[in-house]
Structures are given as C-alpha cells and as structure tokens.
Amino acid sequence: MRERQRGKIYLLLMICFLEVFSLRAERALALTRSEENTIRVFQLVSPGVVNITTTSIGRDFFFNPVPTEGSGSGVVVDTSGHIVTSYHVVQGSSHLEVTLADGSRWQASVVGTSPGNDLAVIKIEAPPEQLKPLHLGSSKNLRVGQKVLAVGNPFGLGQTLTTGTISSLGRDVRISQDVVIENVIQADAAINPGNSGGPLINSAGEVIGINTAIFSPTGASVGISFAIPVDTVRRILPGMVSLWPRLATWLLVVILLVVFLRWYWRWFQARP
C-alpha cells in the first residue's frame, strides 16, 4: 500500500517537473513585442528593397579601360519600375543592374538625379506584379530615441537588417568637397558600404529616410549613420521621375522674364 502511494507521489512530482520545464521552455521561445514588430516590419518592407550593382570604367597606368564594380541599395517607389537610391551610388557608372528580392535581375537606367541632396532615381522594365513599392511616410514629427530599422546590401550581402534608434535630428553633413546636405537624420543602426540608397524604416513599416553616409575613420560602421529625410524625397521625386515639372518650372520662369522685360521696356519708353 505504501509502495503504491510512493509511486503516485513520484508520478505526481514527475508531472509537475515536466510542466514547469515545458512552461520555462515556452517562455524562452516566446518573442517580445519589439521582436515581433521587427520581424513583421522586415517581412513587410524587404520585398521593396533592391540591390544595385554598378560598373564604371576607369583607366590603368597605360590608359587601358578597366571596369570597376560597386554596390548599393534602393527603394521601389512605384509599379512602373522607378527606384530611389543615393546619387553617389550611380555617379559615374556606365552599367547598372538591379536585383529584386525574388532574385531576378534587371538592367537599369538613370532617369533623374539631385546631386545636392545625394538622391537619384533609376528605372527597370520589370512586370508590375514583381515590384513591391514601399510606403513613403513622413519625417516631420520624428523624435530622438525613436526606433528605426535599416534594410540594405552591406558589403554585397543582400536583404540585411539592422536596428537602432534616432540619435539626433537636423544635422548638416558634408558628403563631398562641394556638397553639404542639411537637416539629415542621424541614427545608430549599423550602416556599412553597400547600405547607401536603402531605406530607413519606422516601426510602422514606413520609409522615413534614405540612408546616405556613415561617420567612420575606418570606413565601417561605428554607430553613427545619416539618412536623407523622406520629406525631401517626396518633394523632389516628381521632378526626377518626370520632365514635366522641370519644364513647367522653366516655362514659368521664361513667362515671368518676358512679362518683366515688356514692363521694363514700356517704362523705359515712357520716361521723359
């Protein structure tokens, strides 16, 4: 009788041990809300981030042509094949190739540039169903400490995700001897060569900036990166995609100039 009772007690203790062990295992495997958000956002935006391979022609000591390859990232902005990237990614390139998230490769051409903002638009002739445009959010109400994610092609390793926070706003960054970009976003998400042109994303999956540069004495990430605010992208994107806004601007300037000259000529003739 006592042996049966002992057996029941041992069985009960074993069941309790297994329950506690399984509960701890479930807790260990459970994801935090922040992790779930990061995974959801990456799955949402990664199809709209592309890898860009560039080829430029240089010259060796004997002036023979030598092709040089580079890489960067880009953001699909519509189903017509327009992709926003950094100007320095495509600058001086003679050949552009875009790799979509599904692995397909497409030849690309530059359709518009804004060197002063380090932005460019390239275009591929891919079917609309293969293009997954990302939603351009707003950079107006960003705050220091806000969570951000960066997706890109660092060192040629496509579809790489890094996370961090906005560490400062309103920075002025010199990206070349002649170009200073104003009001950029500073973040601590790891950005490396090849990330340029890729998106900076908020926790809602919206593009809030285009990664453009890093601050580093070694050329690799040290925790300070910069992105062009998406409001700047939205402002100049129509003029880079289509010629009509630029033509309309020049036409307006010409009309105003003609009106002014006619007024000045009449005023000049009417003088005593």
Protein backbone atom coordinates (compact mmCIF):
# COMPACT_ATOMS: atom_id res chain seq x y z
CA MET A 1 0.00 0.00 0.00
CA ARG A 2 2.81 2.38 0.93
CA GLU A 3 4.67 1.50 -2.27
CA ARG A 4 1.61 2.45 -4.33
CA GLN A 5 1.35 5.77 -2.53
CA ARG A 6 5.05 6.43 -3.07
CA GLY A 7 4.64 5.60 -6.75
CA LYS A 8 1.74 8.04 -7.06
CA ILE A 9 3.78 10.73 -5.31
CA TYR A 10 6.77 10.14 -7.61
CA LEU A 11 4.48 10.25 -10.65
CA LEU A 12 2.89 13.46 -9.45
CA LEU A 13 6.31 15.06 -8.85
CA MET A 14 7.45 13.98 -12.31
CA ILE A 15 4.36 15.52 -13.92
CA CYS A 16 4.92 18.77 -12.02
CA PHE A 17 8.57 18.85 -13.10
CA LEU A 18 7.65 18.33 -16.74
CA GLU A 19 5.00 21.05 -16.55
CA VAL A 20 7.46 23.55 -15.06
CA PHE A 21 10.13 22.61 -17.61
CA SER A 22 7.77 22.97 -20.58
CA LEU A 23 6.48 26.32 -19.25
CA ARG A 24 10.02 27.67 -18.99
CA ALA A 25 10.80 26.40 -22.48
CA GLU A 26 7.73 28.17 -23.88
CA ARG A 27 8.75 31.38 -22.15
CA ALA A 28 12.28 31.07 -23.54
CA LEU A 29 10.91 30.64 -27.07
CA ALA A 30 8.36 33.45 -26.79
CA LEU A 31 9.15 36.68 -28.68
CA THR A 32 8.89 40.12 -27.15
CA ARG A 33 6.56 42.67 -28.72
CA SER A 34 9.57 44.59 -30.03
CA GLU A 35 10.96 41.45 -31.68
CA GLU A 36 7.58 40.61 -33.21
CA ASN A 37 7.35 44.15 -34.57
CA THR A 38 10.86 43.97 -36.04
CA ILE A 39 10.10 40.65 -37.75
CA ARG A 40 6.77 41.92 -39.10
CA VAL A 41 8.28 45.14 -40.45
CA PHE A 42 11.18 43.31 -42.13
CA GLN A 43 8.80 40.88 -43.83
CA LEU A 44 6.70 43.84 -44.95
CA VAL A 45 9.46 46.03 -46.41
CA SER A 46 12.13 43.61 -47.62
CA PRO A 47 10.35 42.83 -50.94
CA GLY A 48 10.59 46.54 -51.82
CA VAL A 49 14.34 46.87 -51.18
CA VAL A 50 16.67 46.13 -54.10
CA ASN A 51 20.38 45.57 -54.55
CA ILE A 52 22.16 47.74 -57.11
CA THR A 53 25.37 46.65 -58.82
CA THR A 54 27.27 49.34 -60.69
CA THR A 55 30.08 49.14 -63.23
CA SER A 56 32.26 52.11 -64.04
CA ILE A 57 35.15 52.29 -66.47
CA GLY A 58 38.49 53.58 -65.21
CA ARG A 59 41.95 53.66 -66.74
CA ASP A 60 45.11 51.86 -65.69
CA PHE A 61 48.68 53.21 -65.89
CA PHE A 62 48.73 52.58 -69.64
CA PHE A 63 45.29 54.20 -70.14
CA ASN A 64 43.63 50.88 -70.85
CA PRO A 65 39.94 50.66 -69.81
CA VAL A 66 39.47 48.85 -66.50
CA PRO A 67 35.92 48.08 -65.25
CA THR A 68 35.29 48.64 -61.56
CA GLU A 69 32.26 47.25 -59.73
CA GLY A 70 30.39 48.78 -56.83
CA SER A 71 27.17 48.11 -54.97
CA GLY A 72 24.38 49.91 -53.21
CA SER A 73 20.73 49.64 -52.28
CA GLY A 74 17.48 51.14 -53.49
CA VAL A 75 13.79 51.57 -52.70
CA VAL A 76 10.99 50.65 -55.12
CA VAL A 77 8.57 53.59 -55.18
CA ASP A 78 6.00 52.54 -57.83
CA THR A 79 4.94 49.68 -60.08
CA SER A 80 6.36 51.46 -63.13
CA GLY A 81 9.87 50.41 -62.11
CA HIS A 82 11.16 53.62 -60.52
CA ILE A 83 13.69 53.10 -57.73
CA VAL A 84 15.11 55.76 -55.40
CA THR A 85 18.75 55.44 -54.38
CA SER A 86 21.72 57.61 -53.46
CA TYR A 87 23.31 59.72 -56.19
CA HIS A 88 26.83 58.64 -55.21
CA VAL A 89 25.82 55.00 -55.80
CA VAL A 90 25.15 55.59 -59.51
CA GLN A 91 27.51 58.52 -60.10
CA GLY A 92 29.89 57.82 -62.98
CA SER A 93 28.53 54.34 -63.64
CA SER A 94 28.33 53.02 -67.18
CA HIS A 95 26.22 49.97 -66.35
CA LEU A 96 23.54 49.37 -63.71
CA GLU A 97 21.97 46.09 -62.66
CA VAL A 98 19.17 45.74 -60.11
CA THR A 99 18.47 42.55 -58.19
CA LEU A 100 14.97 42.31 -56.76
CA ALA A 101 14.10 40.47 -53.55
CA ASP A 102 12.90 37.48 -55.62
CA GLY A 103 16.38 37.11 -57.11
CA SER A 104 15.54 38.37 -60.61
CA ARG A 105 18.00 40.74 -62.25
CA TRP A 106 17.19 43.70 -64.45
CA GLN A 107 19.16 46.28 -66.39
CA ALA A 108 18.54 49.79 -65.12
CA SER A 109 18.97 53.34 -66.40
CA VAL A 110 19.21 56.66 -64.60
CA VAL A 111 16.15 58.87 -65.16
CA GLY A 112 16.79 61.70 -62.69
CA THR A 113 19.36 62.98 -60.21
CA SER A 114 19.67 65.54 -57.43
CA PRO A 115 23.38 65.69 -56.52
CA GLY A 116 22.79 68.40 -53.94
CA ASN A 117 20.55 66.02 -51.99
CA ASP A 118 22.55 62.87 -52.86
CA LEU A 119 19.46 61.32 -54.45
CA ALA A 120 18.83 59.63 -57.78
CA VAL A 121 16.04 57.73 -59.50
CA ILE A 122 16.71 54.73 -61.71
CA LYS A 123 14.24 52.64 -63.69
CA ILE A 124 13.87 48.98 -64.62
CA GLU A 125 11.43 47.36 -67.05
CA ALA A 126 10.12 44.69 -64.68
CA PRO A 127 6.50 43.46 -64.66
CA PRO A 128 4.34 45.38 -62.16
CA GLU A 129 3.50 42.20 -60.24
CA GLN A 130 7.18 41.74 -59.37
CA LEU A 131 7.52 45.24 -57.95
CA LYS A 132 6.57 45.90 -54.33
CA PRO A 133 6.58 49.66 -53.71
CA LEU A 134 7.25 50.85 -50.18
CA HIS A 135 5.10 53.43 -48.47
CA LEU A 136 6.80 56.81 -48.07
CA GLY A 137 5.92 58.12 -44.63
CA SER A 138 6.79 61.48 -43.11
CA SER A 139 9.91 62.80 -41.41
CA LYS A 140 8.16 65.84 -39.96
CA ASN A 141 7.46 64.58 -36.43
CA LEU A 142 10.44 62.31 -35.81
CA ARG A 143 11.88 62.19 -32.31
CA VAL A 144 15.26 61.30 -30.87
CA GLY A 145 15.04 57.82 -29.35
CA GLN A 146 12.52 56.57 -31.91
CA LYS A 147 13.11 53.00 -33.11
CA VAL A 148 14.36 52.64 -36.70
CA LEU A 149 15.29 49.77 -38.98
CA ALA A 150 17.63 49.75 -41.97
CA VAL A 151 17.43 47.20 -44.79
CA GLY A 152 20.10 47.07 -47.47
CA ASN A 153 23.04 45.46 -49.17
CA PRO A 154 26.11 45.99 -46.92
CA PHE A 155 29.31 44.59 -48.44
CA GLY A 156 27.17 42.96 -51.15
CA LEU A 157 25.16 40.89 -48.62
CA GLY A 158 21.58 41.47 -49.73
CA GLN A 159 18.47 41.70 -47.55
CA THR A 160 20.39 42.56 -44.38
CA LEU A 161 18.51 44.08 -41.45
CA THR A 162 19.93 46.29 -38.71
CA THR A 163 18.05 48.12 -35.97
CA GLY A 164 18.67 51.11 -33.75
CA THR A 165 17.26 54.47 -32.73
CA ILE A 166 17.31 58.03 -33.98
CA SER A 167 20.23 59.62 -32.16
CA SER A 168 19.91 63.19 -33.49
CA LEU A 169 17.93 65.34 -35.91
CA GLY A 170 18.69 68.37 -38.06
CA ARG A 171 22.32 67.51 -38.77
CA ASP A 172 24.30 69.11 -41.60
CA VAL A 173 26.62 66.58 -43.23
CA ARG A 174 29.35 67.15 -45.81
CA ILE A 175 29.42 64.19 -48.21
CA SER A 176 31.92 65.69 -50.63
CA GLN A 177 34.07 68.76 -51.04
CA ASP A 178 31.25 70.66 -52.72
CA VAL A 179 28.10 69.12 -51.23
CA VAL A 180 26.70 69.70 -47.75
CA ILE A 181 23.33 68.08 -47.04
CA GLU A 182 21.21 69.91 -44.49
CA ASN A 183 18.69 68.63 -41.96
CA VAL A 184 19.60 64.92 -42.17
CA ILE A 185 18.58 62.18 -39.74
CA GLN A 186 21.30 60.69 -37.53
CA ALA A 187 20.79 57.12 -36.31
CA ASP A 188 22.81 54.39 -34.62
CA ALA A 189 21.56 51.49 -36.77
CA ALA A 190 24.61 49.81 -38.28
CA ILE A 191 25.16 51.15 -41.82
CA ASN A 192 28.08 49.93 -43.92
CA PRO A 193 29.27 50.39 -47.52
CA GLY A 194 26.51 49.00 -49.73
CA ASN A 195 23.69 50.26 -47.48
CA SER A 196 23.68 53.61 -49.28
CA GLY A 197 20.37 54.21 -51.03
CA GLY A 198 18.48 51.79 -48.81
CA PRO A 199 15.54 52.79 -46.63
CA LEU A 200 15.41 53.88 -43.02
CA ILE A 201 12.14 52.49 -41.68
CA ASN A 202 9.98 53.30 -38.66
CA SER A 203 8.14 50.71 -36.55
CA ALA A 204 5.04 51.10 -38.73
CA GLY A 205 6.92 49.93 -41.83
CA GLU A 206 7.07 53.38 -43.44
CA VAL A 207 10.12 54.85 -45.17
CA ILE A 208 11.29 57.87 -43.17
CA GLY A 209 14.67 58.36 -44.85
CA ILE A 210 17.20 57.18 -47.44
CA ASN A 211 20.50 56.04 -45.93
CA THR A 212 23.30 58.08 -47.43
CA ALA A 213 26.50 58.07 -45.38
CA ILE A 214 28.32 56.93 -42.28
CA PHE A 215 30.72 58.72 -39.98
CA SER A 216 33.72 56.44 -39.59
CA PRO A 217 37.51 56.78 -39.56
CA THR A 218 37.79 53.17 -40.73
CA GLY A 219 35.06 53.05 -43.41
CA ALA A 220 32.95 50.60 -41.39
CA SER A 221 30.06 51.26 -39.03
CA VAL A 222 30.87 52.84 -35.68
CA GLY A 223 27.28 53.61 -34.72
CA ILE A 224 26.72 56.93 -36.48
CA SER A 225 24.86 56.98 -39.79
CA PHE A 226 22.92 59.60 -41.73
CA ALA A 227 19.76 59.48 -43.84
CA ILE A 228 18.05 61.96 -46.16
CA PRO A 229 14.60 62.79 -44.70
CA VAL A 230 11.76 61.26 -46.69
CA ASP A 231 10.01 64.65 -46.90
CA THR A 232 12.94 65.80 -49.06
CA VAL A 233 12.50 62.70 -51.23
CA ARG A 234 8.77 63.33 -51.63
CA ARG A 235 9.41 66.97 -52.58
CA ILE A 236 11.90 66.35 -55.37
CA LEU A 237 10.78 62.89 -56.55
CA PRO A 238 8.22 64.12 -59.13
CA GLY A 239 10.83 66.30 -60.81
CA MET A 240 13.30 63.42 -61.04
CA VAL A 241 10.76 60.92 -62.37
CA SER A 242 9.14 63.20 -64.96
CA LEU A 243 10.40 66.06 -67.12
CA TRP A 244 7.11 67.95 -66.97
CA PRO A 245 7.61 69.58 -63.53
CA ARG A 246 11.03 70.85 -64.60
CA LEU A 247 9.70 72.02 -67.97
CA ALA A 248 6.78 73.74 -66.26
CA THR A 249 9.18 75.49 -63.88
CA TRP A 250 11.38 76.73 -66.71
CA LEU A 251 8.33 77.78 -68.72
CA LEU A 252 7.05 79.81 -65.77
CA VAL A 253 10.46 81.44 -65.39
CA VAL A 254 10.52 82.37 -69.09
CA ILE A 255 6.99 83.79 -68.94
CA LEU A 256 7.82 85.91 -65.89
CA LEU A 257 11.01 87.09 -67.56
CA VAL A 258 9.13 88.11 -70.72
CA VAL A 259 6.49 89.94 -68.67
CA PHE A 260 9.18 91.79 -66.74
CA LEU A 261 11.08 92.74 -69.88
CA ARG A 262 7.91 94.07 -71.56
CA TRP A 263 7.05 96.08 -68.48
CA TYR A 264 10.59 97.43 -68.29
CA TRP A 265 10.58 98.36 -71.99
CA ARG A 266 7.28 100.23 -71.68
CA TRP A 267 8.53 102.01 -68.58
CA PHE A 268 11.78 102.90 -70.36
CA GLN A 269 9.92 104.33 -73.39
CA ALA A 270 7.53 106.27 -71.17
CA ARG A 271 10.31 108.15 -69.43
CA PRO A 272 10.51 111.91 -70.29
